[in-house]
C-alpha atoms as a PDB file:
ATOM      1  CA  MET A   1     -24.089  -4.416  12.318  1.00  0.00           C
ATOM      2  CA  PHE A   2     -21.720  -3.682   9.427  1.00  0.00           C
ATOM      3  CA  ASP A   3     -20.939  -6.776   7.319  1.00  0.00           C
ATOM      4  CA  PRO A   4     -17.711  -6.147   5.365  1.00  0.00           C
ATOM      5  CA  ASP A   5     -18.198  -9.184   3.135  1.00  0.00           C
ATOM      6  CA  LEU A   6     -21.669  -8.042   2.123  1.00  0.00           C
ATOM      7  CA  PHE A   7     -20.324  -4.554   1.463  1.00  0.00           C
ATOM      8  CA  ILE A   8     -17.518  -5.924  -0.745  1.00  0.00           C
ATOM      9  CA  ALA A   9     -20.133  -7.916  -2.684  1.00  0.00           C
ATOM     10  CA  TRP A  10     -22.107  -4.702  -3.162  1.00  0.00           C
ATOM     11  CA  MET A  11     -18.989  -2.963  -4.449  1.00  0.00           C
ATOM     12  CA  ALA A  12     -18.385  -5.827  -6.885  1.00  0.00           C
ATOM     13  CA  GLU A  13     -21.943  -5.402  -8.183  1.00  0.00           C
ATOM     14  CA  GLN A  14     -21.589  -1.615  -8.493  1.00  0.00           C
ATOM     15  CA  GLY A  15     -18.283  -1.953 -10.318  1.00  0.00           C
ATOM     16  CA  SER A  16     -17.125   1.645  -9.976  1.00  0.00           C
ATOM     17  CA  GLY A  17     -18.254   5.122  -9.024  1.00  0.00           C
ATOM     18  CA  PRO A  18     -17.413   8.475  -7.418  1.00  0.00           C
ATOM     19  CA  LEU A  19     -15.228   8.213  -4.335  1.00  0.00           C
ATOM     20  CA  ALA A  20     -17.277  10.820  -2.451  1.00  0.00           C
ATOM     21  CA  ALA A  21     -20.392   8.666  -2.816  1.00  0.00           C
ATOM     22  CA  LEU A  22     -18.508   5.560  -1.684  1.00  0.00           C
ATOM     23  CA  ILE A  23     -17.245   7.325   1.450  1.00  0.00           C
ATOM     24  CA  ARG A  24     -20.774   8.575   2.156  1.00  0.00           C
ATOM     25  CA  ASP A  25     -22.314   5.104   1.703  1.00  0.00           C
ATOM     26  CA  THR A  26     -19.613   3.399   3.771  1.00  0.00           C
ATOM     27  CA  SER A  27     -20.058   5.956   6.552  1.00  0.00           C
ATOM     28  CA  TRP A  28     -23.785   5.285   6.590  1.00  0.00           C
ATOM     29  CA  ALA A  29     -23.404   1.494   6.536  1.00  0.00           C
ATOM     30  CA  ALA A  30     -20.659   1.379   9.187  1.00  0.00           C
ATOM     31  CA  GLY A  31     -21.985   4.233  11.327  1.00  0.00           C
ATOM     32  CA  CYS A  32     -18.567   5.944  11.293  1.00  0.00           C
ATOM     33  CA  GLU A  33     -17.161   9.342  10.456  1.00  0.00           C
ATOM     34  CA  ARG A  34     -15.089  10.127   7.371  1.00  0.00           C
ATOM     35  CA  ARG A  35     -11.614   9.568   8.866  1.00  0.00           C
ATOM     36  CA  PRO A  36     -12.046   5.922   9.971  1.00  0.00           C
ATOM     37  CA  VAL A  37     -13.886   5.213   6.715  1.00  0.00           C
ATOM     38  CA  THR A  38     -11.002   6.467   4.576  1.00  0.00           C
ATOM     39  CA  GLN A  39      -8.590   4.415   6.717  1.00  0.00           C
ATOM     40  CA  TRP A  40     -10.728   1.324   6.111  1.00  0.00           C
ATOM     41  CA  LEU A  41     -10.934   1.969   2.376  1.00  0.00           C
ATOM     42  CA  SER A  42      -7.138   2.251   2.263  1.00  0.00           C
ATOM     43  CA  ARG A  43      -6.934  -1.188   3.870  1.00  0.00           C
ATOM     44  CA  ILE A  44      -9.442  -2.587   1.375  1.00  0.00           C
ATOM     45  CA  GLU A  45      -7.367  -1.141  -1.443  1.00  0.00           C
ATOM     46  CA  ALA A  46      -4.205  -2.788  -0.064  1.00  0.00           C
ATOM     47  CA  LEU A  47      -6.095  -6.100   0.084  1.00  0.00           C
ATOM     48  CA  GLY A  48      -6.738  -5.705  -3.650  1.00  0.00           C
ATOM     49  CA  ALA A  49     -10.532  -5.518  -3.529  1.00  0.00           C
ATOM     50  CA  VAL A  50     -10.644  -2.097  -5.197  1.00  0.00           C
ATOM     51  CA  THR A  51      -8.453   0.473  -6.874  1.00  0.00           C
ATOM     52  CA  ILE A  52      -8.963   4.054  -5.701  1.00  0.00           C
ATOM     53  CA  ASP A  53      -7.859   7.233  -7.428  1.00  0.00           C
ATOM     54  CA  TRP A  54      -7.811   9.494  -4.392  1.00  0.00           C
ATOM     55  CA  ARG A  55      -6.836  12.575  -6.367  1.00  0.00           C
ATOM     56  CA  ALA A  56      -9.404  12.174  -9.157  1.00  0.00           C
ATOM     57  CA  GLY A  57     -12.092  10.987  -6.703  1.00  0.00           C
ATOM     58  CA  HIS A  58     -12.993   7.683  -8.364  1.00  0.00           C
ATOM     59  CA  TRP A  59     -12.955   3.992  -7.419  1.00  0.00           C
ATOM     60  CA  SER A  60     -13.339   0.699  -9.272  1.00  0.00           C
ATOM     61  CA  ALA A  61     -13.748  -2.881  -8.094  1.00  0.00           C
ATOM     62  CA  ASN A  62     -11.076  -5.399  -9.085  1.00  0.00           C
ATOM     63  CA  ALA A  63     -12.016  -8.695 -10.721  1.00  0.00           C
ATOM     64  CA  CYS A  64     -12.323 -11.696  -8.409  1.00  0.00           C
ATOM     65  CA  GLU A  65      -9.517 -14.223  -8.999  1.00  0.00           C
ATOM     66  CA  ILE A  66      -8.004 -17.180  -7.191  1.00  0.00           C
ATOM     67  CA  THR A  67      -4.233 -17.308  -6.957  1.00  0.00           C
ATOM     68  CA  ASP A  68      -1.591 -19.472  -5.308  1.00  0.00           C
ATOM     69  CA  LEU A  69       0.161 -18.274  -2.190  1.00  0.00           C
ATOM     70  CA  PRO A  70       3.968 -18.212  -2.465  1.00  0.00           C
ATOM     71  CA  GLY A  71       5.941 -21.283  -1.527  1.00  0.00           C
ATOM     72  CA  ASN A  72       4.951 -24.913  -1.732  1.00  0.00           C
ATOM     73  CA  THR A  73       1.859 -24.402   0.419  1.00  0.00           C
ATOM     74  CA  GLN A  74      -0.742 -25.903  -1.946  1.00  0.00           C
ATOM     75  CA  THR A  75      -3.002 -23.102  -0.800  1.00  0.00           C
ATOM     76  CA  ALA A  76      -4.706 -20.452  -2.909  1.00  0.00           C
ATOM     77  CA  VAL A  77      -6.523 -17.274  -1.907  1.00  0.00           C
ATOM     78  CA  LEU A  78      -9.354 -15.305  -3.469  1.00  0.00           C
ATOM     79  CA  THR A  79      -8.374 -11.774  -4.442  1.00  0.00           C
ATOM     80  CA  GLY A  80     -10.364  -8.862  -5.826  1.00  0.00           C
ATOM     81  CA  ALA A  81     -13.947  -7.951  -5.007  1.00  0.00           C
ATOM     82  CA  ARG A  82     -15.937 -11.100  -4.260  1.00  0.00           C
ATOM     83  CA  PRO A  83     -19.471 -10.883  -5.690  1.00  0.00           C
ATOM     84  CA  VAL A  84     -20.968 -13.289  -3.113  1.00  0.00           C
ATOM     85  CA  ALA A  85     -20.585 -14.088   0.590  1.00  0.00           C
ATOM     86  CA  PRO A  86     -17.813 -16.413   1.882  1.00  0.00           C
ATOM     87  CA  ALA A  87     -20.394 -19.132   2.624  1.00  0.00           C
ATOM     88  CA  PHE A  88     -20.803 -19.637  -1.138  1.00  0.00           C
ATOM     89  CA  TYR A  89     -17.124 -20.553  -1.433  1.00  0.00           C
ATOM     90  CA  GLN A  90     -17.137 -22.613   1.773  1.00  0.00           C
ATOM     91  CA  GLU A  91     -19.864 -24.820   0.319  1.00  0.00           C
ATOM     92  CA  ARG A  92     -17.398 -25.611  -2.474  1.00  0.00           C
ATOM     93  CA  GLY A  93     -14.542 -26.563  -0.170  1.00  0.00           C
ATOM     94  CA  ALA A  94     -12.897 -23.257   0.704  1.00  0.00           C
ATOM     95  CA  VAL A  95     -11.882 -22.126   4.193  1.00  0.00           C
ATOM     96  CA  ALA A  96     -12.971 -18.769   5.645  1.00  0.00           C
ATOM     97  CA  VAL A  97     -10.246 -17.070   7.686  1.00  0.00           C
ATOM     98  CA  PRO A  98     -11.379 -14.202   9.953  1.00  0.00           C
ATOM     99  CA  GLN A  99      -9.168 -11.120  10.024  1.00  0.00           C
ATOM    100  CA  VAL A 100      -7.932  -9.186  13.039  1.00  0.00           C
ATOM    101  CA  PRO A 101     -10.229  -6.179  13.599  1.00  0.00           C
ATOM    102  CA  ASP A 102      -8.936  -2.969  12.040  1.00  0.00           C
ATOM    103  CA  GLU A 103      -7.889   0.005  14.181  1.00  0.00           C
ATOM    104  CA  SER A 104     -10.554   2.087  12.437  1.00  0.00           C
ATOM    105  CA  GLY A 105     -13.158   0.025  14.302  1.00  0.00           C
ATOM    106  CA  ILE A 106     -14.643  -1.232  11.030  1.00  0.00           C
ATOM    107  CA  PRO A 107     -14.242  -5.000  10.545  1.00  0.00           C
ATOM    108  CA  LEU A 108     -12.193  -6.272   7.610  1.00  0.00           C
ATOM    109  CA  PRO A 109     -13.559  -8.787   5.082  1.00  0.00           C
ATOM    110  CA  THR A 110     -12.975 -12.486   5.625  1.00  0.00           C
ATOM    111  CA  ALA A 111     -10.048 -14.073   3.787  1.00  0.00           C
ATOM    112  CA  VAL A 112     -11.025 -17.109   1.692  1.00  0.00           C
ATOM    113  CA  TRP A 113      -8.421 -19.840   1.145  1.00  0.00           C
ATOM    114  CA  LEU A 114      -8.555 -23.056  -0.833  1.00  0.00           C
ATOM    115  CA  GLN A 115      -6.277 -25.958   0.048  1.00  0.00           C
ATOM    116  CA  TYR A 116      -5.696 -28.571  -2.621  1.00  0.00           C
ATOM    117  CA  SER A 117      -3.439 -31.498  -3.481  1.00  0.00           C
ATOM    118  CA  GLU A 118      -3.990 -31.519  -7.249  1.00  0.00           C
ATOM    119  CA  ARG A 119      -4.057 -28.572  -9.675  1.00  0.00           C
ATOM    120  CA  SER A 120      -7.285 -29.930 -11.130  1.00  0.00           C
ATOM    121  CA  ARG A 121      -8.940 -29.158  -7.780  1.00  0.00           C
ATOM    122  CA  LEU A 122      -7.916 -25.503  -8.081  1.00  0.00           C
ATOM    123  CA  HIS A 123      -9.206 -25.152 -11.626  1.00  0.00           C
ATOM    124  CA  GLY A 124     -12.397 -27.011 -10.760  1.00  0.00           C
ATOM    125  CA  PHE A 125     -13.029 -24.606  -7.881  1.00  0.00           C
ATOM    126  CA  ALA A 126     -12.472 -21.640 -10.185  1.00  0.00           C
ATOM    127  CA  ALA A 127     -14.934 -23.029 -12.732  1.00  0.00           C
ATOM    128  CA  SER A 128     -17.600 -23.719 -10.120  1.00  0.00           C
ATOM    129  CA  THR A 129     -17.358 -20.256  -8.585  1.00  0.00           C
ATOM    130  CA  GLY A 130     -17.037 -18.184 -11.744  1.00  0.00           C
ATOM    131  CA  THR A 131     -13.526 -16.982 -10.896  1.00  0.00           C
ATOM    132  CA  VAL A 132     -10.272 -17.205 -12.837  1.00  0.00           C
ATOM    133  CA  ALA A 133      -7.227 -19.100 -11.569  1.00  0.00           C
ATOM    134  CA  VAL A 134      -4.035 -17.076 -12.080  1.00  0.00           C
ATOM    135  CA  PRO A 135      -0.352 -17.744 -11.287  1.00  0.00           C
ATOM    136  CA  CYS A 136       0.986 -16.553  -7.933  1.00  0.00           C
ATOM    137  CA  ALA A 137      -0.103 -12.906  -7.801  1.00  0.00           C
ATOM    138  CA  ALA A 138       2.335 -12.073  -4.992  1.00  0.00           C
ATOM    139  CA  GLU A 139       5.315 -13.117  -7.101  1.00  0.00           C
ATOM    140  CA  SER A 140       3.942 -11.300 -10.157  1.00  0.00           C
ATOM    141  CA  ALA A 141       3.370  -8.142  -8.110  1.00  0.00           C
ATOM    142  CA  ALA A 142       6.897  -8.316  -6.661  1.00  0.00           C
ATOM    143  CA  ARG A 143       8.467  -8.719 -10.108  1.00  0.00           C
ATOM    144  CA  SER A 144       6.554  -5.687 -11.402  1.00  0.00           C
ATOM    145  CA  LEU A 145       7.787  -3.362  -8.625  1.00  0.00           C
ATOM    146  CA  ARG A 146       9.896  -0.467  -9.838  1.00  0.00           C
ATOM    147  CA  PRO A 147      12.066   2.069  -7.978  1.00  0.00           C
ATOM    148  CA  PHE A 148      10.618   5.499  -7.282  1.00  0.00           C
ATOM    149  CA  THR A 149      10.436   8.039 -10.089  1.00  0.00           C
ATOM    150  CA  LEU A 150       9.415  11.683  -9.855  1.00  0.00           C
ATOM    151  CA  GLY A 151       5.736  12.353 -10.482  1.00  0.00           C
ATOM    152  CA  PRO A 152       4.378  15.001 -12.817  1.00  0.00           C
ATOM    153  CA  VAL A 153       5.525  18.579 -12.384  1.00  0.00           C
ATOM    154  CA  ALA A 154       3.091  20.473 -10.170  1.00  0.00           C
ATOM    155  CA  ALA A 155       2.462  24.047  -9.186  1.00  0.00           C
ATOM    156  CA  PRO A 156       4.074  25.002  -5.878  1.00  0.00           C
ATOM    157  CA  PRO A 157       1.845  25.479  -2.858  1.00  0.00           C
ATOM    158  CA  ALA A 158       0.640  29.024  -2.298  1.00  0.00           C
ATOM    159  CA  ARG A 159       3.005  31.098  -0.205  1.00  0.00           C
ATOM    160  CA  ASP A 160       0.327  31.544   2.431  1.00  0.00           C
ATOM    161  CA  SER A 161      -0.430  27.792   2.600  1.00  0.00           C
ATOM    162  CA  SER A 162      -0.387  25.962   5.880  1.00  0.00           C
ATOM    163  CA  ALA A 163       2.567  23.756   4.949  1.00  0.00           C
ATOM    164  CA  GLU A 164       4.628  21.083   6.685  1.00  0.00           C
ATOM    165  CA  ARG A 165       7.922  19.455   5.651  1.00  0.00           C
ATOM    166  CA  PHE A 166       8.793  15.819   6.369  1.00  0.00           C
ATOM    167  CA  ASP A 167      11.703  15.429   8.778  1.00  0.00           C
ATOM    168  CA  PRO A 168      13.653  12.326   7.639  1.00  0.00           C
ATOM    169  CA  VAL A 169      15.215  11.966  11.101  1.00  0.00           C
ATOM    170  CA  THR A 170      12.077  11.894  13.246  1.00  0.00           C
ATOM    171  CA  GLY A 171       9.674  10.618  10.582  1.00  0.00           C
ATOM    172  CA  ARG A 172       7.249  13.452  11.330  1.00  0.00           C
ATOM    173  CA  PHE A 173       5.896  16.404   9.378  1.00  0.00           C
ATOM    174  CA  VAL A 174       6.853  19.722  10.978  1.00  0.00           C
ATOM    175  CA  PRO A 175       5.352  23.162  10.206  1.00  0.00           C
ATOM    176  CA  VAL A 176       7.306  25.453   7.902  1.00  0.00           C
ATOM    177  CA  VAL A 177       6.784  29.000   6.655  1.00  0.00           C
ATOM    178  CA  LEU A 178       6.840  29.358   2.872  1.00  0.00           C
ATOM    179  CA  ARG A 179       6.320  33.115   2.732  1.00  0.00           C
ATOM    180  CA  GLY A 180       9.519  35.115   2.352  1.00  0.00           C
ATOM    181  CA  SER A 181      11.852  32.103   2.257  1.00  0.00           C
ATOM    182  CA  TRP A 182      13.460  29.797  -0.278  1.00  0.00           C
ATOM    183  CA  PRO A 183      12.172  26.335   0.741  1.00  0.00           C
ATOM    184  CA  ALA A 184      14.595  23.450   1.146  1.00  0.00           C
ATOM    185  CA  PRO A 185      14.205  20.354  -1.034  1.00  0.00           C
ATOM    186  CA  GLY A 186      12.085  17.617   0.470  1.00  0.00           C
ATOM    187  CA  LEU A 187       8.578  16.263   0.926  1.00  0.00           C
ATOM    188  CA  TYR A 188       5.869  18.795   1.770  1.00  0.00           C
ATOM    189  CA  ARG A 189       2.307  18.442   2.984  1.00  0.00           C
ATOM    190  CA  PHE A 190      -0.116  21.299   2.588  1.00  0.00           C
ATOM    191  CA  THR A 191      -3.841  21.854   2.590  1.00  0.00           C
ATOM    192  CA  GLN A 192      -5.939  22.516  -0.465  1.00  0.00           C
ATOM    193  CA  PHE A 193      -9.444  23.947  -0.402  1.00  0.00           C
ATOM    194  CA  GLY A 194      -9.062  24.314   3.336  1.00  0.00           C
ATOM    195  CA  ARG A 195      -9.079  20.622   4.262  1.00  0.00           C
ATOM    196  CA  LEU A 196      -7.595  18.275   1.632  1.00  0.00           C
ATOM    197  CA  HIS A 197      -4.028  17.155   2.219  1.00  0.00           C
ATOM    198  CA  ARG A 198      -1.761  17.320  -0.817  1.00  0.00           C
ATOM    199  CA  TYR A 199       1.810  16.079  -1.020  1.00  0.00           C
ATOM    200  CA  SER A 200       4.533  17.551  -3.221  1.00  0.00           C
ATOM    201  CA  LEU A 201       8.211  16.853  -3.591  1.00  0.00           C
ATOM    202  CA  LEU A 202      10.544  19.814  -4.049  1.00  0.00           C
ATOM    203  CA  HIS A 203      13.393  18.478  -6.163  1.00  0.00           C
ATOM    204  CA  ARG A 204      16.765  20.129  -6.731  1.00  0.00           C
ATOM    205  CA  PRO A 205      18.753  18.377  -9.493  1.00  0.00           C
ATOM    206  CA  ARG A 206      22.349  17.582  -8.736  1.00  0.00           C
ATOM    207  CA  ARG A 207      24.713  19.636 -10.846  1.00  0.00           C
ATOM    208  CA  HIS A 208      27.996  18.350 -12.191  1.00  0.00           C
ATOM    209  CA  SER A 209      30.954  20.590 -11.452  1.00  0.00           C
ATOM    210  CA  ASP A 210      32.180  22.733 -14.321  1.00  0.00           C
ATOM    211  CA  PRO A 211      35.840  23.833 -14.022  1.00  0.00           C
ATOM    212  CA  GLY A 212      35.116  26.841 -16.226  1.00  0.00           C
ATOM    213  CA  ARG A 213      32.394  28.211 -13.983  1.00  0.00           C
ATOM    214  CA  SER A 214      32.559  30.106 -10.750  1.00  0.00           C
ATOM    215  CA  HIS A 215      32.062  28.089  -7.575  1.00  0.00           C
ATOM    216  CA  THR A 216      29.885  30.832  -6.101  1.00  0.00           C
ATOM    217  CA  PRO A 217      26.640  29.169  -4.871  1.00  0.00           C
ATOM    218  CA  ASP A 218      23.619  29.914  -6.994  1.00  0.00           C
ATOM    219  CA  PRO A 219      21.223  31.918  -4.743  1.00  0.00           C
ATOM    220  CA  PHE A 220      18.281  30.694  -6.841  1.00  0.00           C
ATOM    221  CA  PRO A 221      19.048  27.062  -7.737  1.00  0.00           C
ATOM    222  CA  GLU A 222      16.768  25.391 -10.225  1.00  0.00           C
ATOM    223  CA  GLN A 223      14.074  23.483  -8.344  1.00  0.00           C
ATOM    224  CA  THR A 224      10.858  21.799  -9.433  1.00  0.00           C
ATOM    225  CA  TRP A 225       7.737  20.724  -7.569  1.00  0.00           C
ATOM    226  CA  HIS A 226       6.271  17.284  -8.296  1.00  0.00           C
ATOM    227  CA  SER A 227       3.031  15.640  -7.228  1.00  0.00           C
ATOM    228  CA  VAL A 228       3.826  12.570  -5.189  1.00  0.00           C
ATOM    229  CA  ASP A 229       2.226   9.827  -3.158  1.00  0.00           C
ATOM    230  CA  ARG A 230       2.869  10.418   0.546  1.00  0.00           C
ATOM    231  CA  LYS A 231       4.309   6.985   1.281  1.00  0.00           C
ATOM    232  CA  ALA A 232       6.542   6.843  -1.800  1.00  0.00           C
ATOM    233  CA  GLY A 233       7.743  10.374  -1.086  1.00  0.00           C
ATOM    234  CA  ILE A 234       8.721   9.443   2.464  1.00  0.00           C
ATOM    235  CA  HIS A 235      10.973   6.635   1.239  1.00  0.00           C
ATOM    236  CA  HIS A 236      12.485   8.870  -1.438  1.00  0.00           C
ATOM    237  CA  VAL A 237      13.638  11.532   1.028  1.00  0.00           C
ATOM    238  CA  THR A 238      14.719   9.111   3.761  1.00  0.00           C
ATOM    239  CA  SER A 239      18.183   7.541   3.929  1.00  0.00           C
ATOM    240  CA  PRO A 240      18.362   3.744   3.372  1.00  0.00           C
ATOM    241  CA  ALA A 241      19.504   3.136   6.954  1.00  0.00           C
ATOM    242  CA  ALA A 242      16.588   5.041   8.497  1.00  0.00           C
ATOM    243  CA  PHE A 243      13.478   3.047   9.414  1.00  0.00           C
ATOM    244  CA  PRO A 244      14.852  -0.217   7.937  1.00  0.00           C
ATOM    245  CA  LEU A 245      12.616  -3.126   7.024  1.00  0.00           C
ATOM    246  CA  HIS A 246      12.980  -6.280   9.125  1.00  0.00           C
ATOM    247  CA  TRP A 247      12.481  -9.881   7.999  1.00  0.00           C
ATOM    248  CA  LYS A 248      12.507 -12.935  10.257  1.00  0.00           C
ATOM    249  CA  ALA A 249      12.224 -16.513   8.977  1.00  0.00           C
ATOM    250  CA  ASP A 250       9.330 -18.556  10.309  1.00  0.00           C
ATOM    251  CA  ARG A 251      11.754 -21.346  11.151  1.00  0.00           C
ATOM    252  CA  ALA A 252      15.016 -20.552  12.927  1.00  0.00           C
ATOM    253  CA  GLY A 253      18.109 -21.311  10.855  1.00  0.00           C
ATOM    254  CA  SER A 254      16.193 -21.410   7.602  1.00  0.00           C
ATOM    255  CA  ARG A 255      17.313 -19.056   4.841  1.00  0.00           C
ATOM    256  CA  GLY A 256      16.732 -19.114   1.117  1.00  0.00           C
ATOM    257  CA  PRO A 257      14.952 -17.025  -1.524  1.00  0.00           C
ATOM    258  CA  GLY A 258      11.687 -18.915  -1.013  1.00  0.00           C
ATOM    259  CA  THR A 259      11.858 -19.130   2.789  1.00  0.00           C
ATOM    260  CA  LEU A 260       8.717 -17.707   4.358  1.00  0.00           C
ATOM    261  CA  GLY A 261       8.903 -15.196   7.179  1.00  0.00           C
ATOM    262  CA  ARG A 262       7.490 -12.092   8.802  1.00  0.00           C
ATOM    263  CA  MET A 263       8.316  -8.660   7.413  1.00  0.00           C
ATOM    264  CA  THR A 264       8.060  -5.742   9.836  1.00  0.00           C
ATOM    265  CA  VAL A 265       7.726  -2.120   8.736  1.00  0.00           C
ATOM    266  CA  ASP A 266       8.109   1.055  10.788  1.00  0.00           C
ATOM    267  CA  ARG A 267       4.842   2.989  10.526  1.00  0.00           C
ATOM    268  CA  ARG A 268       6.742   6.251  10.152  1.00  0.00           C
ATOM    269  CA  ALA A 269       7.768   4.942   6.717  1.00  0.00           C
ATOM    270  CA  PRO A 270       4.823   2.751   5.620  1.00  0.00           C
ATOM    271  CA  LEU A 271       4.883   0.709   2.427  1.00  0.00           C
ATOM    272  CA  PRO A 272       3.518   2.422  -0.697  1.00  0.00           C
ATOM    273  CA  LEU A 273       0.485   0.709  -2.217  1.00  0.00           C
ATOM    274  CA  ALA A 274       2.315  -1.375  -4.841  1.00  0.00           C
ATOM    275  CA  GLN A 275       4.787  -2.770  -2.295  1.00  0.00           C
ATOM    276  CA  GLU A 276       2.064  -3.348   0.285  1.00  0.00           C
ATOM    277  CA  ARG A 277      -0.086  -5.261  -2.184  1.00  0.00           C
ATOM    278  CA  ALA A 278       2.846  -7.552  -2.967  1.00  0.00           C
ATOM    279  CA  ALA A 279       3.241  -8.252   0.763  1.00  0.00           C
ATOM    280  CA  VAL A 280      -0.488  -8.693   1.434  1.00  0.00           C
ATOM    281  CA  LEU A 281      -0.915 -11.087  -1.503  1.00  0.00           C
ATOM    282  CA  CYS A 282       1.455 -13.499   0.252  1.00  0.00           C
ATOM    283  CA  THR A 283      -1.426 -14.474   2.561  1.00  0.00           C
ATOM    284  CA  GLY A 284      -4.481 -12.463   1.539  1.00  0.00           C
ATOM    285  CA  LEU A 285      -4.488 -10.992   5.045  1.00  0.00           C
ATOM    286  CA  ALA A 286      -4.116  -7.345   6.012  1.00  0.00           C
ATOM    287  CA  SER A 287      -1.056  -6.371   8.013  1.00  0.00           C
ATOM    288  CA  LEU A 288      -1.093  -6.724  11.784  1.00  0.00           C
ATOM    289  CA  ARG A 289      -0.711  -3.235  13.224  1.00  0.00           C
ATOM    290  CA  THR A 290       0.745  -2.007  16.470  1.00  0.00           C
ATOM    291  CA  ALA A 291       1.245   1.605  17.494  1.00  0.00           C
ATOM    292  CA  ALA A 292       4.702   1.683  15.882  1.00  0.00           C
ATOM    293  CA  THR A 293       4.882  -1.185  13.375  1.00  0.00           C
ATOM    294  CA  GLU A 294       3.082  -3.214  10.742  1.00  0.00           C
ATOM    295  CA  HIS A 295       3.691  -6.966  10.358  1.00  0.00           C
ATOM    296  CA  TYR A 296       3.224  -8.899   7.124  1.00  0.00           C
ATOM    297  CA  ASP A 297       3.263 -12.680   7.520  1.00  0.00           C
ATOM    298  CA  GLY A 298       4.106 -15.390   5.007  1.00  0.00           C
ATOM    299  CA  VAL A 299       6.432 -13.158   2.966  1.00  0.00           C
ATOM    300  CA  PRO A 300       9.233 -15.062   1.157  1.00  0.00           C
ATOM    301  CA  PHE A 301      12.693 -13.613   1.591  1.00  0.00           C
ATOM    302  CA  PHE A 302      13.023 -12.747  -2.105  1.00  0.00           C
ATOM    303  CA  ILE A 303       9.805 -10.680  -2.032  1.00  0.00           C
ATOM    304  CA  ALA A 304      10.878  -8.852   1.135  1.00  0.00           C
ATOM    305  CA  ASP A 305      14.260  -8.186  -0.498  1.00  0.00           C
ATOM    306  CA  ARG A 306      12.599  -6.949  -3.696  1.00  0.00           C
ATOM    307  CA  ILE A 307      10.355  -4.589  -1.710  1.00  0.00           C
ATOM    308  CA  ALA A 308      13.338  -3.195   0.198  1.00  0.00           C
ATOM    309  CA  ARG A 309      15.430  -2.707  -2.942  1.00  0.00           C
ATOM    310  CA  THR A 310      12.709  -0.829  -4.823  1.00  0.00           C
ATOM    311  CA  LEU A 311      12.311   1.500  -1.834  1.00  0.00           C
ATOM    312  CA  HIS A 312      16.085   1.967  -1.399  1.00  0.00           C
ATOM    313  CA  ARG A 313      15.572   0.678   2.119  1.00  0.00           C
ATOM    314  CA  ARG A 314      17.900  -1.551   4.104  1.00  0.00           C
ATOM    315  CA  LEU A 315      16.533  -5.020   4.928  1.00  0.00           C
ATOM    316  CA  GLU A 316      17.636  -6.371   8.282  1.00  0.00           C
ATOM    317  CA  THR A 317      17.266 -10.124   8.777  1.00  0.00           C
ATOM    318  CA  GLU A 318      17.212 -12.480  11.736  1.00  0.00           C
END
């Protein structure tokens, strides 16, 4: 039976390596095909255990740290790739919190929390386990979030590519024909080498009106293709009112920057990695998924608001 905690410890020991080998080894250990394995690795990346360069085909384990959860909870969580099993930390006073099984069918690693009443307890735990105590990582991650910027200029997809364009209304990619047409600006998905999905943003700069120039539309407007992350690209081409984020306080009638609550995201416009890590670090738990939504618990209002603002997304509150 696949033990996710043991596998994370193995990754911590390995440190880094080729992504293809990691997918192969995970498939063997979990007894699963490539697709569920890549879904699971994406979840592990959001949890902060590893950083994956999907384009370059490389992964690296993140250092194990212990950090406070937001709010006055007097609870800290281990982040990064843990080099030993949760029992090691439990013997030193930590609490192991099982996670809800992932939709890929591969179990997620146990969350490890430490509750304390004095800061000396936190630093003593860090010293005894060989970890480093750091300030609230969720707050640090939220402060470091930046609005979307265009990625590097990229070559356009081949005219005979099997391409799809993201429909901002339905939240779905729909087939388009590139041959013999001038493509509309937007987010495109196409295949490379016959199977790899690549995402590119076709950008048309806005032009300021010039009274001295003709108002005849330019039949060949200047456009540029840019490599882009799928999730960030979706938010960039979607209006702020579409697929809004929702936040509900844990306690009715409570509202303030530090008030904890549940943030809900429409899966047609999922959070990019940086925003998702900020949300996940609020508890150290992966999101709870349904067919249409993802729920992130323990998210302070100011972090939910920061996530929404950096994605140009409306935040609806209850």
